[in-house]
Protein backbone atom coordinates (compact mmCIF):
# COMPACT_ATOMS: atom_id res chain seq x y z
CA UNK A 1 -1.16 -58.10 1.20
CA UNK A 2 1.70 -59.62 3.34
CA UNK A 3 2.96 -61.49 0.24
CA UNK A 4 3.24 -58.10 -1.68
CA UNK A 5 5.11 -56.66 1.33
CA UNK A 6 7.40 -59.63 1.22
CA UNK A 7 8.30 -59.21 -2.50
CA UNK A 8 8.74 -55.51 -2.24
CA UNK A 9 10.96 -55.89 0.78
CA UNK A 10 13.12 -58.48 -1.10
CA UNK A 11 13.62 -55.95 -3.93
CA UNK A 12 11.38 -57.06 -6.81
CA UNK A 13 7.81 -56.88 -7.71
CA UNK A 14 5.46 -59.85 -8.22
CA UNK A 15 4.45 -60.71 -11.79
CA UNK A 16 0.93 -59.73 -11.48
CA UNK A 17 1.72 -56.28 -10.38
CA UNK A 18 4.16 -55.43 -13.19
CA UNK A 19 1.61 -56.51 -15.83
CA UNK A 20 -1.21 -54.64 -14.18
CA UNK A 21 -1.90 -51.05 -14.67
CA UNK A 22 -0.32 -50.00 -11.47
CA UNK A 23 3.19 -49.67 -12.64
CA UNK A 24 2.60 -47.65 -15.84
CA UNK A 25 0.27 -45.26 -14.02
CA UNK A 26 2.84 -44.81 -11.28
CA UNK A 27 5.58 -44.31 -13.73
CA UNK A 28 3.68 -41.59 -15.57
CA UNK A 29 2.02 -40.03 -12.43
CA UNK A 30 5.10 -39.78 -10.43
CA UNK A 31 7.17 -37.62 -12.56
CA UNK A 32 3.90 -35.53 -13.28
CA UNK A 33 3.28 -35.14 -9.52
CA UNK A 34 7.07 -34.13 -8.80
CA UNK A 35 6.85 -31.69 -11.77
CA UNK A 36 3.56 -30.30 -10.32
CA UNK A 37 5.07 -29.94 -6.84
CA UNK A 38 8.07 -28.19 -8.39
CA UNK A 39 5.99 -25.77 -10.32
CA UNK A 40 4.04 -24.98 -7.18
CA UNK A 41 7.22 -24.48 -5.14
CA UNK A 42 8.59 -22.09 -7.77
CA UNK A 43 5.46 -20.10 -8.01
CA UNK A 44 5.24 -19.73 -4.31
CA UNK A 45 8.95 -18.65 -4.39
CA UNK A 46 8.08 -16.06 -7.05
CA UNK A 47 5.20 -14.82 -5.08
CA UNK A 48 7.15 -14.49 -1.93
CA UNK A 49 9.89 -12.66 -3.77
CA UNK A 50 7.47 -10.35 -5.38
CA UNK A 51 5.69 -9.51 -1.98
CA UNK A 52 9.04 -9.08 -0.34
CA UNK A 53 10.25 -6.79 -3.10
CA UNK A 54 6.97 -4.69 -2.86
CA UNK A 55 7.13 -4.56 0.91
CA UNK A 56 10.76 -3.47 0.84
CA UNK A 57 9.81 -0.74 -1.86
CA UNK A 58 6.67 0.57 0.14
CA UNK A 59 8.81 0.71 3.29
CA UNK A 60 11.51 2.74 1.61
CA UNK A 61 8.92 5.17 0.13
CA UNK A 62 7.40 5.77 3.59
CA UNK A 63 10.87 6.19 5.03
CA UNK A 64 11.90 8.74 2.44
CA UNK A 65 8.54 10.56 2.76
CA UNK A 66 9.05 10.73 6.49
CA UNK A 67 12.59 12.13 6.04
CA UNK A 68 11.20 14.58 3.49
CA UNK A 69 8.69 15.61 5.80
CA UNK A 70 11.14 16.13 8.53
CA UNK A 71 13.70 17.98 6.51
CA UNK A 72 10.99 20.30 5.13
CA UNK A 73 9.63 21.14 8.53
CA UNK A 74 13.28 21.76 9.69
CA UNK A 75 13.74 23.97 6.47
CA UNK A 76 10.54 25.89 7.13
CA UNK A 77 11.44 26.35 10.80
CA UNK A 78 14.98 27.67 9.83
CA UNK A 79 13.59 29.91 7.15
CA UNK A 80 11.13 31.23 9.92
CA UNK A 81 14.07 31.95 12.35
CA UNK A 82 15.98 33.78 9.36
CA UNK A 83 12.69 35.91 8.66
CA UNK A 84 12.91 37.46 12.14
CA UNK A 85 10.48 34.78 13.51
CA UNK A 86 7.83 36.08 11.19
CA UNK A 87 6.66 32.76 10.08
CA UNK A 88 4.32 32.45 7.05
CA UNK A 89 1.04 32.87 8.97
CA UNK A 90 1.39 36.48 10.17
CA UNK A 91 2.21 35.34 13.63
CA UNK A 92 4.76 38.30 14.01
CA UNK A 93 1.95 40.94 14.05
CA UNK A 94 0.01 39.08 16.61
CA UNK A 95 3.17 38.71 18.90
CA UNK A 96 3.99 42.43 18.43
CA UNK A 97 0.41 43.34 19.36
CA UNK A 98 0.64 41.31 22.63
CA UNK A 99 3.87 42.89 23.43
CA UNK A 100 2.82 46.37 22.87
CA UNK A 101 -0.46 45.73 24.85
CA UNK A 102 1.61 44.31 27.77
CA UNK A 103 3.64 47.56 27.76
């Protein structure tokens, strides 16, 4: 083992390692592993981008719904004031009845 380390450290491989199956396997597997890691990285990037886009889209929908709810309640309240505080549930009759009873 130390002789193998010595040869690698000097910059060349010993003869028995180049003629064995280790080098062709390494030369084939290393690009395949790098390609696999690149595909996994790209897939994770696409998934992250998709989840980020979906999260932003859902957040925008909720914000728009809250804004619409706020504007609709403001609009209903403004219409209620324009209609002499009558509202849409007949509250004017009840308040008039209370006022006439108090007098």
